[in-house]
Amino acid sequence: MFTFMPSPETLAILATLTGCPAPAPVVATVELKIEKPVYIQTHSSADLARMKKRETFMYKGREISQILGFTQGDVTYQYASGYDVRKESGTACLGMKDIKLTITYSPKVYISSDHNFLGRSFKHVAKHEQKHYDADVHILTKHLAELKAQLAKGADAVGVRGPVIGPAIETVQGDMRLKVIEAMQPLVKKIRNLRLKAHAAFDTDEAYTRDAKACASPL
């Protein structure tokens, strides 16, 4: 006996059929988790240069200093969604009930081991890297309301799917969540570009000239 099993793509197409009631507004929430900076002081200036793919900082055509430190601020976006599944006669109508976006900021601050023994120098480099941390926290916090509004808008735009046959439910739910994530990408990209712009304002050749002079002794 031959049994036909439709592919996930076919099941998703079947989910576009109409005949389901309009869904209620989706409850959208956004949570920002800010982790404390992790200071890493086990890499030399040469190691940091390889990590940054830049050996030295230049000012007006001359070398001013080796890389003293940098901040790596990782931001992750995780989505968790709940669904209203109304089953009837072997099929189901699917609506997104709630969705939560969790943003986690995990900063790592690298400071060259060459400066571990130079108290004043270490503190100065750490102070510079603190600016990067503060800028990231400020930008992410400032955009929480906008992120929540866009999350709700994207979720409501998904609407209702169905009637959906049983084997298609998980596939269609995944597609609904993916549509919301796609709708969030322009704002996520905007925030990333704002962070890059803020960091670039701190990492000028003039700023590194001042940092090099402020250190207790040169490398």
C-alpha atoms as a PDB file:
ATOM      1  CA  MET A   1       0.000   0.000   0.000  1.00  0.00           C
ATOM      2  CA  PHE A   2       1.405   3.380  -1.042  1.00  0.00           C
ATOM      3  CA  THR A   3       1.022   6.268   1.386  1.00  0.00           C
ATOM      4  CA  PHE A   4       1.618   9.834   0.191  1.00  0.00           C
ATOM      5  CA  MET A   5       3.318  12.123   2.713  1.00  0.00           C
ATOM      6  CA  PRO A   6       3.300  15.774   1.643  1.00  0.00           C
ATOM      7  CA  SER A   7       6.529  17.749   1.985  1.00  0.00           C
ATOM      8  CA  PRO A   8       6.838  20.628   4.501  1.00  0.00           C
ATOM      9  CA  GLU A   9       6.617  23.045   1.570  1.00  0.00           C
ATOM     10  CA  THR A  10       3.332  21.482   0.418  1.00  0.00           C
ATOM     11  CA  LEU A  11       1.960  21.590   3.945  1.00  0.00           C
ATOM     12  CA  ALA A  12       2.815  25.269   4.202  1.00  0.00           C
ATOM     13  CA  ILE A  13       0.922  25.957   0.969  1.00  0.00           C
ATOM     14  CA  LEU A  14      -2.130  24.147   2.328  1.00  0.00           C
ATOM     15  CA  ALA A  15      -1.996  26.536   5.288  1.00  0.00           C
ATOM     16  CA  THR A  16      -2.856  29.506   3.099  1.00  0.00           C
ATOM     17  CA  LEU A  17      -6.484  28.422   2.776  1.00  0.00           C
ATOM     18  CA  THR A  18      -9.091  30.799   4.241  1.00  0.00           C
ATOM     19  CA  GLY A  19     -11.981  30.195   6.577  1.00  0.00           C
ATOM     20  CA  CYS A  20     -10.608  31.000  10.046  1.00  0.00           C
ATOM     21  CA  PRO A  21     -11.775  33.759  12.408  1.00  0.00           C
ATOM     22  CA  ALA A  22      -9.713  36.918  12.782  1.00  0.00           C
ATOM     23  CA  PRO A  23      -7.085  36.605  15.534  1.00  0.00           C
ATOM     24  CA  ALA A  24      -6.896  38.743  18.662  1.00  0.00           C
ATOM     25  CA  PRO A  25      -4.047  41.287  18.931  1.00  0.00           C
ATOM     26  CA  VAL A  26      -0.747  39.591  19.730  1.00  0.00           C
ATOM     27  CA  VAL A  27       0.803  40.304  23.139  1.00  0.00           C
ATOM     28  CA  ALA A  28       4.376  41.425  22.460  1.00  0.00           C
ATOM     29  CA  THR A  29       7.079  41.834  25.105  1.00  0.00           C
ATOM     30  CA  VAL A  30      10.740  42.789  24.933  1.00  0.00           C
ATOM     31  CA  GLU A  31      13.337  42.043  27.605  1.00  0.00           C
ATOM     32  CA  LEU A  32      16.866  43.427  27.647  1.00  0.00           C
ATOM     33  CA  LYS A  33      19.514  41.484  29.539  1.00  0.00           C
ATOM     34  CA  ILE A  34      22.749  43.376  30.112  1.00  0.00           C
ATOM     35  CA  GLU A  35      25.621  41.250  31.335  1.00  0.00           C
ATOM     36  CA  LYS A  36      28.571  42.661  33.239  1.00  0.00           C
ATOM     37  CA  PRO A  37      31.707  43.217  31.179  1.00  0.00           C
ATOM     38  CA  VAL A  38      34.191  40.364  31.188  1.00  0.00           C
ATOM     39  CA  TYR A  39      37.753  41.697  31.259  1.00  0.00           C
ATOM     40  CA  ILE A  40      40.289  39.602  29.375  1.00  0.00           C
ATOM     41  CA  GLN A  41      43.934  40.486  30.001  1.00  0.00           C
ATOM     42  CA  THR A  42      45.727  37.404  28.690  1.00  0.00           C
ATOM     43  CA  HIS A  43      46.463  38.605  25.145  1.00  0.00           C
ATOM     44  CA  SER A  44      49.430  40.727  24.114  1.00  0.00           C
ATOM     45  CA  SER A  45      49.121  43.798  21.896  1.00  0.00           C
ATOM     46  CA  ALA A  46      50.296  41.617  19.008  1.00  0.00           C
ATOM     47  CA  ASP A  47      47.509  39.123  19.754  1.00  0.00           C
ATOM     48  CA  LEU A  48      44.905  41.898  19.796  1.00  0.00           C
ATOM     49  CA  ALA A  49      46.278  43.241  16.508  1.00  0.00           C
ATOM     50  CA  ARG A  50      45.720  39.870  14.874  1.00  0.00           C
ATOM     51  CA  MET A  51      42.189  39.721  16.299  1.00  0.00           C
ATOM     52  CA  LYS A  52      41.407  43.210  14.965  1.00  0.00           C
ATOM     53  CA  LYS A  53      43.385  42.640  11.735  1.00  0.00           C
ATOM     54  CA  ARG A  54      45.148  45.945  12.285  1.00  0.00           C
ATOM     55  CA  GLU A  55      48.674  46.137  13.676  1.00  0.00           C
ATOM     56  CA  THR A  56      48.930  49.783  14.690  1.00  0.00           C
ATOM     57  CA  PHE A  57      47.002  53.015  14.922  1.00  0.00           C
ATOM     58  CA  MET A  58      48.227  55.806  12.697  1.00  0.00           C
ATOM     59  CA  TYR A  59      47.940  59.583  13.026  1.00  0.00           C
ATOM     60  CA  LYS A  60      48.835  61.905  10.132  1.00  0.00           C
ATOM     61  CA  GLY A  61      50.870  59.212   8.433  1.00  0.00           C
ATOM     62  CA  ARG A  62      52.893  58.095  11.428  1.00  0.00           C
ATOM     63  CA  GLU A  63      52.592  55.200  13.819  1.00  0.00           C
ATOM     64  CA  ILE A  64      51.405  56.298  17.241  1.00  0.00           C
ATOM     65  CA  SER A  65      50.797  53.119  19.244  1.00  0.00           C
ATOM     66  CA  GLN A  66      50.117  49.446  19.224  1.00  0.00           C
ATOM     67  CA  ILE A  67      46.580  48.260  19.998  1.00  0.00           C
ATOM     68  CA  LEU A  68      46.015  48.637  23.723  1.00  0.00           C
ATOM     69  CA  GLY A  69      42.494  47.191  23.923  1.00  0.00           C
ATOM     70  CA  PHE A  70      39.057  46.871  22.406  1.00  0.00           C
ATOM     71  CA  THR A  71      35.519  45.934  23.370  1.00  0.00           C
ATOM     72  CA  GLN A  72      33.603  43.126  21.707  1.00  0.00           C
ATOM     73  CA  GLY A  73      29.936  43.716  22.432  1.00  0.00           C
ATOM     74  CA  ASP A  74      27.894  40.712  21.297  1.00  0.00           C
ATOM     75  CA  VAL A  75      24.155  41.271  20.955  1.00  0.00           C
ATOM     76  CA  THR A  76      21.814  38.319  20.443  1.00  0.00           C
ATOM     77  CA  TYR A  77      18.104  38.415  19.614  1.00  0.00           C
ATOM     78  CA  GLN A  78      16.008  35.417  20.680  1.00  0.00           C
ATOM     79  CA  TYR A  79      12.302  34.986  19.890  1.00  0.00           C
ATOM     80  CA  ALA A  80       9.786  32.799  21.762  1.00  0.00           C
ATOM     81  CA  SER A  81       6.198  32.615  20.558  1.00  0.00           C
ATOM     82  CA  GLY A  82       2.911  31.081  21.702  1.00  0.00           C
ATOM     83  CA  TYR A  83      -0.024  30.167  19.479  1.00  0.00           C
ATOM     84  CA  ASP A  84      -3.789  29.898  19.622  1.00  0.00           C
ATOM     85  CA  VAL A  85      -4.636  26.568  17.967  1.00  0.00           C
ATOM     86  CA  ARG A  86      -8.333  25.958  17.264  1.00  0.00           C
ATOM     87  CA  LYS A  87      -8.908  22.405  16.033  1.00  0.00           C
ATOM     88  CA  GLU A  88     -12.027  21.235  14.255  1.00  0.00           C
ATOM     89  CA  SER A  89     -12.743  18.244  11.999  1.00  0.00           C
ATOM     90  CA  GLY A  90      -9.103  17.232  11.662  1.00  0.00           C
ATOM     91  CA  THR A  91      -7.825  20.714  10.807  1.00  0.00           C
ATOM     92  CA  ALA A  92      -6.797  23.741  12.830  1.00  0.00           C
ATOM     93  CA  CYS A  93      -6.801  27.518  12.650  1.00  0.00           C
ATOM     94  CA  LEU A  94      -3.556  29.087  13.867  1.00  0.00           C
ATOM     95  CA  GLY A  95      -3.066  32.523  15.321  1.00  0.00           C
ATOM     96  CA  MET A  96      -0.059  33.926  17.129  1.00  0.00           C
ATOM     97  CA  LYS A  97      -1.073  34.551  20.739  1.00  0.00           C
ATOM     98  CA  ASP A  98       2.092  36.094  22.147  1.00  0.00           C
ATOM     99  CA  ILE A  99       5.704  36.666  21.235  1.00  0.00           C
ATOM    100  CA  LYS A 100       8.680  37.641  23.374  1.00  0.00           C
ATOM    101  CA  LEU A 101      11.967  39.077  22.198  1.00  0.00           C
ATOM    102  CA  THR A 102      14.918  38.660  24.548  1.00  0.00           C
ATOM    103  CA  ILE A 103      17.949  40.808  23.764  1.00  0.00           C
ATOM    104  CA  THR A 104      21.183  39.832  25.489  1.00  0.00           C
ATOM    105  CA  TYR A 105      24.204  42.132  25.520  1.00  0.00           C
ATOM    106  CA  SER A 106      27.412  40.266  26.390  1.00  0.00           C
ATOM    107  CA  PRO A 107      30.469  42.522  26.369  1.00  0.00           C
ATOM    108  CA  LYS A 108      34.060  41.287  26.444  1.00  0.00           C
ATOM    109  CA  VAL A 109      36.746  43.871  27.117  1.00  0.00           C
ATOM    110  CA  TYR A 110      40.210  42.966  25.859  1.00  0.00           C
ATOM    111  CA  ILE A 111      43.122  44.875  27.364  1.00  0.00           C
ATOM    112  CA  SER A 112      46.644  43.999  26.277  1.00  0.00           C
ATOM    113  CA  SER A 113      48.706  41.983  28.742  1.00  0.00           C
ATOM    114  CA  ASP A 114      51.579  44.376  28.003  1.00  0.00           C
ATOM    115  CA  HIS A 115      49.749  46.860  30.222  1.00  0.00           C
ATOM    116  CA  ASN A 116      48.752  44.621  33.098  1.00  0.00           C
ATOM    117  CA  PHE A 117      51.666  45.850  35.198  1.00  0.00           C
ATOM    118  CA  LEU A 118      51.153  49.514  34.352  1.00  0.00           C
ATOM    119  CA  GLY A 119      48.464  50.640  36.751  1.00  0.00           C
ATOM    120  CA  ARG A 120      47.817  54.054  35.293  1.00  0.00           C
ATOM    121  CA  SER A 121      47.987  52.771  31.728  1.00  0.00           C
ATOM    122  CA  PHE A 122      45.580  49.904  32.418  1.00  0.00           C
ATOM    123  CA  LYS A 123      43.063  52.221  34.063  1.00  0.00           C
ATOM    124  CA  HIS A 124      43.214  54.641  31.140  1.00  0.00           C
ATOM    125  CA  VAL A 125      42.591  51.935  28.564  1.00  0.00           C
ATOM    126  CA  ALA A 126      39.778  50.475  30.708  1.00  0.00           C
ATOM    127  CA  LYS A 127      38.196  53.938  30.939  1.00  0.00           C
ATOM    128  CA  HIS A 128      38.219  54.229  27.151  1.00  0.00           C
ATOM    129  CA  GLU A 129      36.589  50.814  26.728  1.00  0.00           C
ATOM    130  CA  GLN A 130      33.931  51.772  29.285  1.00  0.00           C
ATOM    131  CA  LYS A 131      32.741  54.402  26.813  1.00  0.00           C
ATOM    132  CA  HIS A 132      31.977  51.677  24.291  1.00  0.00           C
ATOM    133  CA  TYR A 133      30.039  49.691  26.887  1.00  0.00           C
ATOM    134  CA  ASP A 134      28.043  52.733  27.999  1.00  0.00           C
ATOM    135  CA  ALA A 135      27.214  53.641  24.378  1.00  0.00           C
ATOM    136  CA  ASP A 136      25.898  50.152  23.625  1.00  0.00           C
ATOM    137  CA  VAL A 137      23.747  50.063  26.758  1.00  0.00           C
ATOM    138  CA  HIS A 138      22.361  53.540  26.026  1.00  0.00           C
ATOM    139  CA  ILE A 139      21.432  52.735  22.418  1.00  0.00           C
ATOM    140  CA  LEU A 140      19.834  49.378  23.220  1.00  0.00           C
ATOM    141  CA  THR A 141      17.851  50.825  26.139  1.00  0.00           C
ATOM    142  CA  LYS A 142      16.739  53.852  24.122  1.00  0.00           C
ATOM    143  CA  HIS A 143      15.207  51.661  21.415  1.00  0.00           C
ATOM    144  CA  LEU A 144      13.284  49.222  23.617  1.00  0.00           C
ATOM    145  CA  ALA A 145       9.931  50.934  23.051  1.00  0.00           C
ATOM    146  CA  GLU A 146      10.489  51.046  19.287  1.00  0.00           C
ATOM    147  CA  LEU A 147      11.502  47.374  19.289  1.00  0.00           C
ATOM    148  CA  LYS A 148       8.334  46.429  21.171  1.00  0.00           C
ATOM    149  CA  ALA A 149       6.127  48.441  18.811  1.00  0.00           C
ATOM    150  CA  GLN A 150       7.707  46.862  15.733  1.00  0.00           C
ATOM    151  CA  LEU A 151       7.467  43.394  17.282  1.00  0.00           C
ATOM    152  CA  ALA A 152       3.727  43.865  17.889  1.00  0.00           C
ATOM    153  CA  LYS A 153       3.207  45.273  14.395  1.00  0.00           C
ATOM    154  CA  GLY A 154       5.057  42.398  12.746  1.00  0.00           C
ATOM    155  CA  ALA A 155       3.200  39.794  14.802  1.00  0.00           C
ATOM    156  CA  ASP A 156      -0.239  41.266  14.091  1.00  0.00           C
ATOM    157  CA  ALA A 157       0.590  41.395  10.364  1.00  0.00           C
ATOM    158  CA  VAL A 158       1.031  37.614  10.334  1.00  0.00           C
ATOM    159  CA  GLY A 159      -2.706  37.217  10.896  1.00  0.00           C
ATOM    160  CA  VAL A 160      -4.377  33.816  11.021  1.00  0.00           C
ATOM    161  CA  ARG A 161      -3.410  30.690   9.076  1.00  0.00           C
ATOM    162  CA  GLY A 162      -5.644  27.821   8.130  1.00  0.00           C
ATOM    163  CA  PRO A 163      -7.496  25.616   8.060  1.00  0.00           C
ATOM    164  CA  VAL A 164      -4.272  23.622   8.522  1.00  0.00           C
ATOM    165  CA  ILE A 165      -4.071  19.837   8.513  1.00  0.00           C
ATOM    166  CA  GLY A 166      -2.461  18.327  11.608  1.00  0.00           C
ATOM    167  CA  PRO A 167       1.013  17.495  10.190  1.00  0.00           C
ATOM    168  CA  ALA A 168       1.403  21.089   8.971  1.00  0.00           C
ATOM    169  CA  ILE A 169       0.878  22.829  12.312  1.00  0.00           C
ATOM    170  CA  GLU A 170       4.525  23.010  13.431  1.00  0.00           C
ATOM    171  CA  THR A 171       5.705  23.982   9.956  1.00  0.00           C
ATOM    172  CA  VAL A 172       3.210  26.818   9.733  1.00  0.00           C
ATOM    173  CA  GLN A 173       4.010  28.031  13.249  1.00  0.00           C
ATOM    174  CA  GLY A 174       7.684  28.194  12.299  1.00  0.00           C
ATOM    175  CA  ASP A 175       6.822  30.170   9.187  1.00  0.00           C
ATOM    176  CA  MET A 176       4.737  32.619  11.216  1.00  0.00           C
ATOM    177  CA  ARG A 177       7.606  33.229  13.643  1.00  0.00           C
ATOM    178  CA  LEU A 178      10.027  33.652  10.722  1.00  0.00           C
ATOM    179  CA  LYS A 179       7.794  36.348   9.207  1.00  0.00           C
ATOM    180  CA  VAL A 180       7.962  38.318  12.454  1.00  0.00           C
ATOM    181  CA  ILE A 181      11.754  37.971  12.628  1.00  0.00           C
ATOM    182  CA  GLU A 182      12.048  39.178   9.030  1.00  0.00           C
ATOM    183  CA  ALA A 183       9.883  42.194   9.846  1.00  0.00           C
ATOM    184  CA  MET A 184      12.256  43.071  12.705  1.00  0.00           C
ATOM    185  CA  GLN A 185      15.444  43.049  10.621  1.00  0.00           C
ATOM    186  CA  PRO A 186      15.393  46.666   9.354  1.00  0.00           C
ATOM    187  CA  LEU A 187      15.193  47.933  12.946  1.00  0.00           C
ATOM    188  CA  VAL A 188      17.831  45.469  14.146  1.00  0.00           C
ATOM    189  CA  LYS A 189      20.123  46.680  11.345  1.00  0.00           C
ATOM    190  CA  LYS A 190      19.409  50.317  12.239  1.00  0.00           C
ATOM    191  CA  ILE A 191      20.430  49.721  15.864  1.00  0.00           C
ATOM    192  CA  ARG A 192      23.602  47.920  14.772  1.00  0.00           C
ATOM    193  CA  ASN A 193      24.578  50.850  12.529  1.00  0.00           C
ATOM    194  CA  LEU A 194      23.945  53.333  15.342  1.00  0.00           C
ATOM    195  CA  ARG A 195      26.256  51.308  17.594  1.00  0.00           C
ATOM    196  CA  LEU A 196      28.975  51.236  14.937  1.00  0.00           C
ATOM    197  CA  LYS A 197      28.673  54.990  14.447  1.00  0.00           C
ATOM    198  CA  ALA A 198      28.926  55.625  18.194  1.00  0.00           C
ATOM    199  CA  HIS A 199      32.019  53.431  18.499  1.00  0.00           C
ATOM    200  CA  ALA A 200      33.681  55.103  15.537  1.00  0.00           C
ATOM    201  CA  ALA A 201      33.281  58.469  17.276  1.00  0.00           C
ATOM    202  CA  PHE A 202      35.441  57.166  20.146  1.00  0.00           C
ATOM    203  CA  ASP A 203      38.019  55.347  18.020  1.00  0.00           C
ATOM    204  CA  THR A 204      39.564  58.250  16.139  1.00  0.00           C
ATOM    205  CA  ASP A 205      43.280  58.628  15.493  1.00  0.00           C
ATOM    206  CA  GLU A 206      43.229  61.776  17.624  1.00  0.00           C
ATOM    207  CA  ALA A 207      41.696  59.844  20.531  1.00  0.00           C
ATOM    208  CA  TYR A 208      44.335  57.139  20.300  1.00  0.00           C
ATOM    209  CA  THR A 209      47.046  59.775  20.213  1.00  0.00           C
ATOM    210  CA  ARG A 210      45.743  61.109  23.515  1.00  0.00           C
ATOM    211  CA  ASP A 211      45.489  57.579  24.945  1.00  0.00           C
ATOM    212  CA  ALA A 212      49.058  56.758  23.981  1.00  0.00           C
ATOM    213  CA  LYS A 213      50.373  59.932  25.611  1.00  0.00           C
ATOM    214  CA  ALA A 214      48.315  59.381  28.767  1.00  0.00           C
ATOM    215  CA  CYS A 215      49.775  55.948  29.444  1.00  0.00           C
ATOM    216  CA  ALA A 216      52.488  55.724  32.080  1.00  0.00           C
ATOM    217  CA  SER A 217      55.104  54.511  29.593  1.00  0.00           C
ATOM    218  CA  PRO A 218      55.024  53.525  25.915  1.00  0.00           C
ATOM    219  CA  LEU A 219      55.095  49.937  24.704  1.00  0.00           C
END
